[in-house]
Protein backbone atom coordinates (compact mmCIF):
# COMPACT_ATOMS: atom_id res chain seq x y z
CA MET A 1 -0.43 -22.45 -4.66
CA SER A 2 -3.45 -21.84 -6.28
CA THR A 3 -4.50 -23.40 -9.80
CA GLU A 4 -5.31 -20.38 -11.26
CA VAL A 5 -2.69 -18.85 -13.67
CA PHE A 6 -2.25 -15.14 -14.53
CA HIS A 7 -0.95 -14.10 -18.14
CA TYR A 8 1.25 -11.30 -17.83
CA GLY A 9 0.57 -8.88 -20.59
CA GLU A 10 -2.80 -10.09 -20.85
CA ASP A 11 -4.74 -10.02 -17.82
CA PHE A 12 -5.81 -7.19 -15.35
CA MET A 13 -3.46 -6.77 -12.75
CA THR A 14 -5.48 -5.37 -9.35
CA ALA A 15 -3.07 -5.03 -6.03
CA SER A 16 -4.06 -8.40 -4.56
CA LYS A 17 -3.14 -10.41 -7.46
CA ALA A 18 0.35 -8.31 -7.55
CA LEU A 19 0.93 -9.41 -3.92
CA ALA A 20 -0.15 -12.80 -4.51
CA LEU A 21 2.08 -13.36 -8.10
CA SER A 22 5.16 -11.70 -6.01
CA SER A 23 4.43 -14.10 -2.92
CA GLY A 24 3.80 -17.38 -5.13
CA GLU A 25 0.55 -18.05 -4.30
CA LEU A 26 -0.29 -16.71 -7.83
CA LYS A 27 1.47 -18.36 -10.89
CA GLY A 28 2.27 -15.75 -13.69
CA ILE A 29 3.14 -17.18 -17.29
CA LEU A 30 3.52 -15.58 -20.69
CA SER A 31 0.85 -16.78 -23.51
CA PRO A 32 2.20 -17.88 -26.86
CA GLU A 33 0.60 -14.79 -28.32
CA THR A 34 2.04 -12.37 -25.72
CA ARG A 35 5.42 -14.14 -26.53
CA GLU A 36 4.70 -13.64 -30.25
CA ARG A 37 3.75 -9.45 -29.75
CA VAL A 38 7.28 -9.42 -27.57
CA ARG A 39 9.36 -10.86 -30.42
CA LYS A 40 7.51 -8.76 -32.89
CA SER A 41 8.22 -5.76 -30.67
CA GLN A 42 12.11 -6.75 -30.27
CA GLN A 43 12.73 -7.05 -33.99
CA ILE A 44 11.62 -3.62 -34.74
CA VAL A 45 14.07 -2.91 -32.23
CA GLU A 46 17.00 -4.51 -33.87
CA ASP A 47 16.01 -3.24 -37.20
CA ILE A 48 15.96 0.40 -35.85
CA ILE A 49 19.76 -0.81 -34.67
CA GLN A 50 20.82 -1.63 -38.34
CA SER A 51 19.30 1.39 -39.38
CA ASP A 52 20.52 5.07 -40.05
CA GLN A 53 17.80 5.96 -37.90
CA ALA A 54 18.17 7.88 -34.62
CA VAL A 55 16.23 6.57 -31.61
CA TYR A 56 16.81 7.96 -28.27
CA GLY A 57 17.69 4.88 -26.07
CA ILE A 58 18.23 2.56 -28.48
CA ASN A 59 21.43 3.98 -30.64
CA THR A 60 21.67 7.17 -28.54
CA GLY A 61 22.98 8.11 -25.42
CA PHE A 62 20.94 9.00 -22.25
CA GLY A 63 19.36 11.96 -20.75
CA PRO A 64 21.05 15.16 -21.82
CA LEU A 65 23.60 12.92 -24.41
CA CYS A 66 20.56 12.14 -26.40
CA THR A 67 22.05 13.59 -29.00
CA THR A 68 25.27 11.28 -28.95
CA ARG A 69 24.85 8.52 -31.55
CA VAL A 70 26.11 5.01 -30.60
CA SER A 71 27.15 2.63 -33.16
CA ALA A 72 25.50 -0.75 -33.60
CA ALA A 73 28.22 -2.96 -32.29
CA ASP A 74 28.05 -0.99 -29.13
CA THR A 75 24.04 -1.10 -28.41
CA LYS A 76 24.46 -4.14 -26.00
CA LYS A 77 27.31 -2.49 -24.13
CA LEU A 78 25.42 0.78 -24.01
CA GLN A 79 22.40 -1.39 -22.26
CA GLU A 80 24.86 -2.90 -19.58
CA ASN A 81 26.33 0.66 -18.97
CA ILE A 82 23.09 2.42 -18.00
CA LEU A 83 22.24 -0.58 -15.28
CA LYS A 84 25.74 0.02 -13.65
CA SER A 85 26.07 3.87 -13.85
CA HIS A 86 22.40 4.21 -12.71
CA ALA A 87 22.51 1.91 -9.76
CA VAL A 88 23.40 4.75 -7.36
CA GLY A 89 20.61 4.65 -4.42
CA THR A 90 21.47 4.72 -1.21
CA GLY A 91 19.42 4.00 2.23
CA ASP A 92 18.25 0.87 3.57
CA PRO A 93 16.64 -1.67 1.58
CA ILE A 94 13.44 -1.68 1.11
CA PRO A 95 11.47 -4.81 2.32
CA THR A 96 12.01 -7.80 -0.13
CA SER A 97 8.22 -8.31 -0.25
CA ILE A 98 7.95 -4.67 -2.51
CA ALA A 99 10.93 -5.46 -4.57
CA ALA A 100 9.32 -8.90 -5.55
CA ILE A 101 6.10 -6.80 -6.46
CA MET A 102 8.15 -4.23 -8.30
CA LEU A 103 9.32 -7.49 -10.55
CA VAL A 104 5.87 -8.63 -10.88
CA LEU A 105 4.82 -5.13 -12.13
CA LYS A 106 7.87 -4.78 -14.62
CA VAL A 107 7.08 -7.99 -16.03
CA HIS A 108 3.51 -7.05 -16.86
CA ALA A 109 4.24 -3.96 -18.34
CA LEU A 110 7.22 -5.12 -20.46
CA ALA A 111 5.10 -8.20 -21.89
CA LYS A 112 2.46 -6.04 -23.28
CA GLY A 113 4.92 -5.78 -26.50
CA PHE A 114 5.56 -1.91 -26.57
CA SER A 115 8.77 -2.11 -25.16
CA GLY A 116 11.38 -3.88 -27.44
CA ILE A 117 12.47 -6.50 -24.39
CA GLN A 118 13.76 -10.13 -25.51
CA GLU A 119 11.74 -12.99 -24.58
CA ALA A 120 14.68 -14.49 -22.37
CA THR A 121 14.64 -11.54 -20.78
CA LEU A 122 11.09 -11.63 -19.56
CA ASP A 123 11.91 -15.23 -18.64
CA ARG A 124 14.85 -14.63 -16.52
CA ILE A 125 13.00 -11.83 -14.98
CA ILE A 126 9.91 -14.33 -14.32
CA TRP A 127 12.28 -16.99 -12.87
CA HIS A 128 13.58 -14.69 -10.19
CA ILE A 129 10.14 -14.02 -9.16
CA ASP A 130 9.36 -18.01 -8.94
CA ARG A 131 12.59 -18.84 -7.27
CA GLY A 132 12.41 -15.93 -4.89
CA VAL A 133 15.74 -14.94 -6.16
CA THR A 134 15.09 -11.12 -5.09
CA PRO A 135 17.07 -8.12 -5.85
CA VAL A 136 18.34 -6.23 -2.93
CA VAL A 137 16.93 -2.37 -3.76
CA PRO A 138 18.05 0.87 -1.84
CA LYS A 139 14.85 2.94 -0.67
CA GLN A 140 16.50 6.47 -1.57
CA GLY A 141 17.65 7.75 -5.21
CA SER A 142 14.49 7.81 -7.23
CA VAL A 143 12.96 11.67 -8.11
CA GLY A 144 10.00 9.74 -10.02
CA ALA A 145 10.88 11.66 -13.44
CA SER A 146 12.04 9.32 -15.88
CA GLY A 147 10.50 6.65 -13.59
CA ASP A 148 12.64 4.98 -10.71
CA LEU A 149 15.62 5.12 -12.63
CA ALA A 150 17.95 4.34 -9.45
CA PRO A 151 15.89 1.69 -7.63
CA LEU A 152 14.95 -0.49 -11.36
CA SER A 153 18.82 -0.30 -11.93
CA HIS A 154 19.30 -2.05 -8.50
CA LEU A 155 16.62 -4.31 -9.30
CA PHE A 156 17.75 -5.75 -12.46
CA LEU A 157 21.60 -5.80 -11.91
CA PRO A 158 21.35 -9.23 -11.12
CA LEU A 159 19.90 -10.21 -14.37
CA ILE A 160 23.55 -9.44 -15.09
CA GLY A 161 25.02 -11.13 -12.59
CA LEU A 162 25.84 -7.65 -10.52
CA GLY A 163 24.63 -6.46 -7.28
CA LYS A 164 23.12 -8.40 -4.39
CA VAL A 165 19.93 -10.55 -4.11
CA ASP A 166 18.04 -11.93 -1.07
CA TYR A 167 17.71 -15.49 -1.25
CA LYS A 168 15.99 -17.91 1.25
CA GLY A 169 16.45 -15.03 4.03
CA GLN A 170 19.89 -14.21 3.24
CA ARG A 171 21.53 -11.16 1.35
CA ARG A 172 24.15 -12.30 -0.87
CA GLU A 173 26.02 -11.54 -4.10
CA THR A 174 24.18 -12.32 -7.15
CA SER A 175 26.85 -14.04 -8.55
CA GLU A 176 27.13 -16.45 -5.91
CA VAL A 177 23.39 -17.47 -6.11
CA LEU A 178 23.69 -17.49 -9.66
CA LYS A 179 26.49 -20.11 -9.65
CA GLU A 180 24.58 -22.17 -6.97
CA LEU A 181 21.64 -22.42 -9.04
CA GLY A 182 23.50 -23.36 -12.37
CA ARG A 183 22.63 -19.84 -13.93
CA GLU A 184 25.06 -17.51 -16.10
CA PRO A 185 24.39 -13.58 -16.56
CA HIS A 186 22.03 -12.98 -18.88
CA LYS A 187 22.79 -10.73 -21.82
CA LEU A 188 20.90 -7.68 -22.70
CA ASN A 189 20.42 -6.51 -26.50
CA GLY A 190 19.63 -3.06 -27.75
CA LYS A 191 16.89 -0.58 -25.73
CA GLU A 192 16.72 -3.41 -22.96
CA GLY A 193 18.63 -1.50 -20.47
CA LEU A 194 16.42 1.63 -21.22
CA ALA A 195 12.97 -0.32 -21.01
CA LEU A 196 14.14 -1.54 -17.58
CA ILE A 197 15.15 1.04 -15.92
CA ASN A 198 12.37 3.72 -17.14
CA GLY A 199 9.25 2.96 -15.65
CA THR A 200 7.03 3.58 -12.19
CA GLN A 201 7.32 0.19 -10.48
CA PHE A 202 9.22 1.56 -7.28
CA MET A 203 6.55 4.15 -7.37
CA ALA A 204 3.64 1.72 -8.13
CA ALA A 205 4.95 -1.25 -5.67
CA HIS A 206 4.65 1.10 -2.70
CA ALA A 207 1.28 2.06 -4.12
CA VAL A 208 -0.05 -1.37 -4.04
CA VAL A 209 0.90 -2.44 -0.92
CA ALA A 210 -0.36 1.00 0.26
CA VAL A 211 -3.74 -0.15 -1.12
CA ILE A 212 -3.90 -3.50 0.85
CA LYS A 213 -2.59 -1.87 3.93
CA MET A 214 -5.21 1.10 3.89
CA GLN A 215 -8.23 -0.97 2.93
CA ASN A 216 -7.56 -2.93 6.05
CA LEU A 217 -6.83 -0.03 8.16
CA ILE A 218 -9.97 2.09 7.29
CA ALA A 219 -12.25 -1.06 8.02
CA SER A 220 -10.60 -1.83 11.33
CA ALA A 221 -11.21 2.17 12.37
CA ASP A 222 -15.05 1.60 11.83
CA LEU A 223 -14.94 -1.35 13.51
CA ILE A 224 -12.72 0.07 16.49
CA GLY A 225 -14.90 3.41 16.31
CA ALA A 226 -18.13 1.80 16.84
CA MET A 227 -16.69 -0.33 19.90
CA MET A 228 -15.83 2.95 21.06
CA ILE A 229 -19.29 4.05 20.66
CA GLU A 230 -20.57 1.19 22.66
CA GLY A 231 -17.83 1.77 25.01
CA LEU A 232 -18.64 5.58 25.47
CA THR A 233 -22.59 4.86 25.18
CA GLY A 234 -22.55 7.18 22.05
CA SER A 235 -25.68 7.43 20.18
CA ALA A 236 -26.54 5.64 17.10
CA ARG A 237 -28.45 8.32 15.52
CA PRO A 238 -25.85 9.87 13.46
CA PHE A 239 -25.18 6.88 11.16
CA LEU A 240 -29.18 6.53 10.14
CA PRO A 241 -29.29 5.96 6.32
CA GLN A 242 -31.76 8.86 5.80
CA LEU A 243 -29.10 11.64 7.02
CA HIS A 244 -26.60 9.97 4.64
CA GLU A 245 -29.01 9.83 1.80
CA ILE A 246 -29.28 13.76 1.48
CA ARG A 247 -24.89 13.86 1.45
CA PRO A 248 -24.57 10.50 -0.65
CA PHE A 249 -20.79 10.01 -0.93
CA LYS A 250 -19.80 6.53 -1.08
CA GLY A 251 -17.44 6.30 1.70
CA ASN A 252 -19.51 8.13 4.18
CA ARG A 253 -22.18 5.65 3.11
CA HIS A 254 -20.15 2.67 3.63
CA THR A 255 -18.97 3.67 6.97
CA ALA A 256 -22.69 5.00 8.31
CA GLU A 257 -24.02 1.64 7.02
CA THR A 258 -21.25 -0.46 9.03
CA VAL A 259 -21.66 1.36 12.28
CA THR A 260 -25.39 1.03 12.08
CA ASN A 261 -25.14 -2.76 11.31
CA LEU A 262 -23.13 -2.91 14.21
CA LEU A 263 -25.15 -1.07 16.62
CA THR A 264 -28.54 -2.42 15.58
CA ASN A 265 -29.84 -4.30 18.52
CA SER A 266 -27.52 -3.52 20.84
CA ASP A 267 -28.47 -3.94 24.44
CA ILE A 268 -25.69 -1.14 25.34
CA VAL A 269 -27.59 1.33 22.69
CA HIS A 270 -30.92 0.55 24.28
CA SER A 271 -29.92 1.16 27.57
CA HIS A 272 -29.24 4.52 27.21
CA ALA A 273 -32.09 5.55 24.55
CA GLY A 274 -34.00 7.73 26.72
CA CYS A 275 -30.61 9.86 27.85
CA THR A 276 -30.60 13.54 28.03
CA ARG A 277 -27.37 14.16 25.91
CA VAL A 278 -28.03 16.16 22.98
CA GLN A 279 -25.00 14.99 20.71
CA ASP A 280 -21.45 13.45 20.90
CA PRO A 281 -18.29 14.93 20.50
CA TYR A 282 -17.31 14.98 16.51
CA SER A 283 -14.78 12.24 17.10
CA LEU A 284 -18.06 9.70 17.72
CA ARG A 285 -20.87 11.86 15.62
CA CYS A 286 -18.73 12.75 12.50
CA ILE A 287 -17.31 9.08 12.08
CA PRO A 288 -18.91 8.59 8.74
CA GLN A 289 -17.47 12.10 7.80
CA VAL A 290 -14.28 11.65 8.40
CA HIS A 291 -13.55 7.84 7.90
CA GLY A 292 -15.76 8.31 5.03
CA ALA A 293 -13.56 10.97 3.60
CA SER A 294 -10.61 8.48 3.37
CA TRP A 295 -12.60 5.60 2.23
CA ASN A 296 -13.34 8.09 -1.09
CA ALA A 297 -9.45 8.79 -0.97
CA TRP A 298 -8.46 5.13 -0.91
CA LEU A 299 -11.01 4.63 -3.59
CA HIS A 300 -8.99 7.20 -5.79
CA LEU A 301 -6.02 5.68 -4.90
CA LYS A 302 -7.06 2.13 -5.80
CA GLU A 303 -8.42 3.18 -9.02
CA THR A 304 -5.48 5.23 -10.20
CA ILE A 305 -3.12 2.38 -9.44
CA GLU A 306 -5.44 0.02 -11.33
CA VAL A 307 -4.68 2.12 -14.03
CA GLU A 308 -0.84 2.55 -13.55
CA ILE A 309 -0.26 -1.26 -12.84
CA ASN A 310 -1.88 -1.90 -16.25
CA SER A 311 0.04 0.51 -18.46
CA VAL A 312 3.31 0.66 -20.56
CA THR A 313 5.51 3.15 -18.55
CA ASP A 314 9.10 3.23 -20.06
CA ASN A 315 10.32 5.05 -22.90
CA PRO A 316 10.62 5.43 -25.75
CA ILE A 317 7.50 3.10 -26.97
CA VAL A 318 8.00 0.78 -30.05
CA PHE A 319 4.47 0.36 -31.77
CA GLU A 320 3.70 -2.37 -33.84
CA ASP A 321 4.00 -0.57 -37.17
CA GLY A 322 7.60 0.25 -36.43
CA SER A 323 7.51 3.87 -35.16
CA THR A 324 8.56 4.70 -31.95
CA ILE A 325 7.76 7.74 -29.53
CA SER A 326 9.87 9.57 -26.91
CA GLY A 327 7.44 10.50 -24.45
CA GLY A 328 6.76 10.64 -21.03
CA ASN A 329 4.43 7.77 -19.64
CA PHE A 330 7.45 7.37 -17.22
CA HIS A 331 6.69 10.44 -15.05
CA GLY A 332 5.18 9.37 -11.64
CA GLN A 333 2.81 12.51 -11.24
CA PRO A 334 -0.11 10.76 -12.00
CA ILE A 335 0.35 8.37 -8.89
CA ALA A 336 2.40 10.71 -6.69
CA MET A 337 -0.40 13.33 -6.04
CA PRO A 338 -3.01 10.18 -5.23
CA MET A 339 -0.74 8.73 -2.81
CA ASP A 340 0.08 12.28 -1.32
CA TYR A 341 -3.74 12.25 -0.54
CA ALA A 342 -3.86 9.03 0.80
CA CYS A 343 -1.18 9.96 3.04
CA LEU A 344 -3.56 12.63 4.30
CA ALA A 345 -6.26 10.37 4.38
CA ALA A 346 -4.66 7.92 6.45
CA SER A 347 -3.31 10.37 8.92
CA GLU A 348 -6.90 11.70 9.29
CA ILE A 349 -7.89 8.54 10.51
CA GLY A 350 -5.13 8.45 13.03
CA ASN A 351 -6.06 11.99 14.23
CA ILE A 352 -9.74 11.02 14.92
CA SER A 353 -8.81 7.72 16.92
CA ASP A 354 -6.62 9.67 18.93
CA ARG A 355 -9.47 12.19 20.19
CA ARG A 356 -11.56 9.05 21.01
CA ILE A 357 -8.82 7.61 23.18
CA TYR A 358 -8.96 11.18 24.76
CA LEU A 359 -12.21 10.80 25.37
CA SER A 360 -12.57 7.31 26.32
CA LEU A 361 -9.73 9.06 29.59
CA MET A 362 -11.95 11.78 30.36
CA GLY A 363 -14.27 10.43 32.98
CA ASN A 364 -17.63 11.97 31.11
CA TYR A 365 -19.64 9.16 30.32
CA PRO A 366 -22.05 7.14 32.67
CA GLY A 367 -20.25 3.63 34.26
CA VAL A 368 -16.89 4.52 32.56
CA PRO A 369 -14.31 5.75 34.98
CA LYS A 370 -11.83 8.50 34.57
CA LEU A 371 -8.38 6.95 32.93
CA LEU A 372 -10.44 3.77 32.43
CA LEU A 373 -9.74 2.92 36.14
CA LYS A 374 -11.73 2.65 39.09
CA GLU A 375 -9.25 3.35 41.24
CA THR A 376 -6.89 6.37 40.29
CA GLY A 377 -4.66 8.68 42.14
CA LEU A 378 -2.21 5.55 43.13
CA ASN A 379 -2.88 4.19 39.63
CA SER A 380 -2.23 6.11 36.43
CA GLY A 381 -4.80 3.81 34.62
CA PHE A 382 -4.58 4.65 30.77
CA MET A 383 -3.01 8.05 30.80
CA ILE A 384 0.31 7.70 29.15
CA VAL A 385 -1.30 5.05 26.07
CA GLN A 386 -2.83 8.50 24.75
CA TYR A 387 0.62 10.12 24.82
CA THR A 388 1.86 7.28 22.83
CA SER A 389 -0.99 7.75 20.15
CA ALA A 390 -0.65 11.70 20.29
CA ALA A 391 2.69 11.39 19.31
CA LEU A 392 2.25 8.94 16.34
CA ALA A 393 -0.40 11.52 15.14
CA SER A 394 1.42 14.35 15.71
CA GLU A 395 4.71 12.52 13.83
CA ASN A 396 2.01 11.79 11.02
CA LYS A 397 1.01 15.40 10.62
CA SER A 398 4.75 16.32 9.90
CA LEU A 399 4.63 13.41 7.05
CA CYS A 400 1.45 14.87 5.06
CA TYR A 401 3.49 17.43 3.56
CA PRO A 402 3.10 16.69 -0.06
CA ALA A 403 6.10 15.17 -1.98
CA SER A 404 4.77 15.40 -4.99
CA ALA A 405 4.32 19.72 -4.32
CA ASP A 406 8.48 19.73 -4.63
CA SER A 407 10.74 19.56 -7.89
CA ILE A 408 14.21 19.75 -8.41
CA PRO A 409 15.70 19.60 -11.97
CA THR A 410 18.06 16.64 -13.28
CA SER A 411 19.85 15.20 -16.09
CA MET A 412 21.44 18.61 -16.84
CA GLY A 413 17.89 20.19 -17.13
CA GLN A 414 16.96 17.33 -19.31
CA GLU A 415 14.64 16.54 -16.66
CA ASP A 416 13.38 19.71 -15.64
CA HIS A 417 10.09 18.84 -13.45
CA VAL A 418 10.08 15.33 -11.40
CA SER A 419 7.48 14.08 -9.37
CA MET A 420 9.31 13.16 -6.37
CA GLY A 421 6.65 10.10 -6.08
CA SER A 422 8.86 7.79 -4.48
CA ILE A 423 9.23 9.83 -1.77
CA SER A 424 5.13 9.95 -1.77
CA GLY A 425 4.95 6.14 -1.72
CA ARG A 426 7.60 5.84 1.23
CA LYS A 427 6.36 8.09 3.47
CA LEU A 428 2.47 6.75 2.79
CA LEU A 429 3.67 3.42 4.39
CA GLN A 430 5.41 5.17 7.14
CA VAL A 431 2.10 6.97 8.09
CA ILE A 432 -0.01 3.95 7.49
CA ASP A 433 1.99 1.75 10.05
CA ASN A 434 1.90 4.90 12.52
CA VAL A 435 -1.97 4.76 12.15
CA GLU A 436 -2.03 1.02 12.62
CA ARG A 437 -0.54 1.58 15.99
CA ILE A 438 -2.71 4.56 17.05
CA LEU A 439 -5.67 2.09 16.25
CA GLY A 440 -4.70 -0.70 18.14
CA LEU A 441 -4.23 1.69 21.32
CA GLU A 442 -8.00 2.62 20.64
CA LEU A 443 -8.58 -0.88 20.54
CA PHE A 444 -7.08 -1.56 23.82
CA CYS A 445 -9.24 1.27 25.31
CA ALA A 446 -12.19 0.64 23.99
CA ALA A 447 -12.25 -3.04 25.25
CA GLN A 448 -11.24 -1.60 28.54
CA ALA A 449 -14.42 0.61 28.25
CA LEU A 450 -16.93 -1.93 27.37
CA ASP A 451 -16.16 -4.09 30.10
CA PHE A 452 -17.66 -1.31 32.45
CA HIS A 453 -20.96 -1.80 31.18
CA ALA A 454 -21.18 -5.86 32.03
CA PRO A 455 -23.68 -7.52 32.24
CA LEU A 456 -24.95 -5.60 29.01
CA ARG A 457 -23.13 -6.59 25.85
CA PRO A 458 -22.66 -5.03 22.47
CA THR A 459 -24.02 -6.69 19.47
CA PRO A 460 -22.61 -10.25 18.23
CA ILE A 461 -19.52 -8.98 15.99
CA LEU A 462 -18.42 -6.12 18.59
CA ASP A 463 -18.77 -8.51 20.97
CA GLY A 464 -16.86 -11.39 19.52
CA LEU A 465 -13.97 -8.44 18.83
CA GLN A 466 -14.52 -8.12 22.50
CA LYS A 467 -13.82 -11.70 23.25
CA GLU A 468 -11.01 -11.69 20.79
CA VAL A 469 -8.97 -8.98 22.62
CA ARG A 470 -9.44 -10.60 26.05
CA LYS A 471 -8.03 -13.87 25.11
CA GLN A 472 -4.74 -12.23 25.03
CA VAL A 473 -5.33 -9.10 27.15
CA PRO A 474 -6.79 -8.96 30.62
CA HIS A 475 -9.18 -6.17 32.09
CA ILE A 476 -6.61 -3.88 33.66
CA THR A 477 -7.58 -3.03 37.42
CA GLU A 478 -4.25 -1.76 38.94
CA ASP A 479 -1.22 -0.14 37.07
CA GLU A 480 0.95 -2.94 35.74
CA LEU A 481 3.42 -3.49 32.85
CA ILE A 482 0.90 -3.17 29.88
CA ASN A 483 3.26 -2.87 26.69
CA ASP A 484 3.18 -6.16 25.73
CA TYR A 485 -0.75 -6.00 26.03
CA MET A 486 -0.76 -2.70 23.47
CA HIS A 487 1.23 -4.58 21.06
CA HIS A 488 -1.18 -7.46 20.92
CA THR A 489 -4.43 -5.14 20.02
CA ILE A 490 -1.75 -3.31 17.61
CA GLY A 491 -1.00 -6.88 16.07
CA MET A 492 -4.50 -7.48 15.60
CA VAL A 493 -4.88 -4.27 13.51
CA LYS A 494 -1.42 -4.85 11.75
CA ASN A 495 -2.36 -8.28 10.59
CA ALA A 496 -6.03 -7.77 9.81
CA SER A 497 -7.11 -10.21 12.09
CA LEU A 498 -9.67 -7.48 13.59
CA VAL A 499 -11.49 -7.52 10.13
CA ALA A 500 -11.40 -11.12 9.30
CA THR A 501 -13.08 -12.11 12.90
CA ALA A 502 -15.31 -9.54 12.26
CA LYS A 503 -16.47 -11.30 8.83
CA GLU A 504 -16.33 -14.77 10.29
CA ILE A 505 -18.77 -14.16 13.15
CA SER A 506 -20.91 -12.29 10.47
CA GLU A 507 -20.88 -15.34 8.77
CA GLU A 508 -21.28 -17.51 11.58
CA THR A 509 -24.52 -15.74 13.74
CA SER A 510 -25.76 -13.84 10.37
CA ALA A 511 -24.82 -10.63 12.23
CA PRO A 512 -25.04 -7.73 9.47
CA TYR A 513 -21.55 -6.20 8.71
CA GLN A 514 -21.55 -6.01 5.03
CA THR A 515 -23.02 -3.08 3.58
CA SER A 516 -24.65 -2.36 0.17
CA LEU A 517 -21.34 -0.61 -1.18
CA SER A 518 -19.21 -3.49 0.61
CA ASN A 519 -18.31 -4.83 -2.95
CA LEU A 520 -16.65 -1.13 -3.86
CA PHE A 521 -14.67 -1.28 -0.75
CA ASP A 522 -13.75 -4.88 -0.36
CA GLU A 523 -12.19 -5.28 -3.81
CA PHE A 524 -8.47 -4.80 -4.45
């Protein structure tokens, strides 16, 4: 574990830090100052309970029952009841890794001292994180209105000894695991149940994963796109800086500079410098404009999510002066819309990648045979590889309808506009998964195309990536079972080894890879 420590409620949370905290690579603690702030907020709630003041969720019912008063004696029971009654999620559980991120994000938000939570409650949640006792959370049931009510209820049932947890790779009843680890169910005080389940942590955790995966996705697309330019003897001129200085979108410039770095002084580029081809198809020539637009969408998502995961999103909010405001910070719209935008941006990376795969099969480029095989007819070559990429790209198109464009009133009309942000997050990750597969297929095809230019070699980084592919994937000369080879190149995209290898080669050989905007697009 790193010796670095993260202070919940104080330090600035990022996607990478949330992942590191949830996986145990970074230790999260509560500072004495934060603990004092949390105690003061909790005391304000206690004072409200003992007073005649009616405050939503503290001494009233929930949703349409907001006018129903609850006695001071029943306020603790009220908080347990809300966890039980709202834990109505359905569907397969979300990945344990995402549930763990939800815990991290919730601690950070509650530790800011505006929620009236007990210090002991935060300590128990941190215990769950540190011990890897991760709640089982169904993936469906949130409309992203009062936050993610159903998923967060399942997330915190284990606090009171209910529900299921994943512990050491096994899904078990919480009560069994608590008994095994010598822990009693935790007791909630006033407002705590509501503070735990109001919030956007289900949506935000999906977005955190999307930020990390999508960064690797587009960086991989830039590398693979450059490999395909080399394989199809495409022109390097559309990537020159003077073109992009007069339309200076940050993402466009970053991709153009990346590809220029990867093509500069290439033997293959030099070999066709005097060719008569006027211009390339858009899927090669417009890589900066298409990949760049997706980089811009990723940057918007990253910046939006950084605001969200450093915010307070429960309700009502308890202020230091003793006042409370019942507002709408739990509403998921601010992150639902950027996730839908990112879904479209990810899908477009798959669309243009599929087009480059198709180009590689046409036999229209010097030295590169039809279907990427010298002898076809008896052999089908790479023909059906593109069928798979087409199927994935088409599936993504059906997933690009924005979930946030929909709203269904809930809670007897009290929650009459909802964000559907949980659906935005889930389908965003599904689209990213599909595009990772498409890019892996393009890598498979690009490596095959590059071989036909031997003994000419691409620049060191692309040559190194080609050699990395060839460690497990041979050059194909006749039809054979290629499914395992495809999944190896898909794995190189999914596990981020492609980008990591490019960076290693750049450091070892001083071959240019970083751009003037790398700090903007590499940090998350």
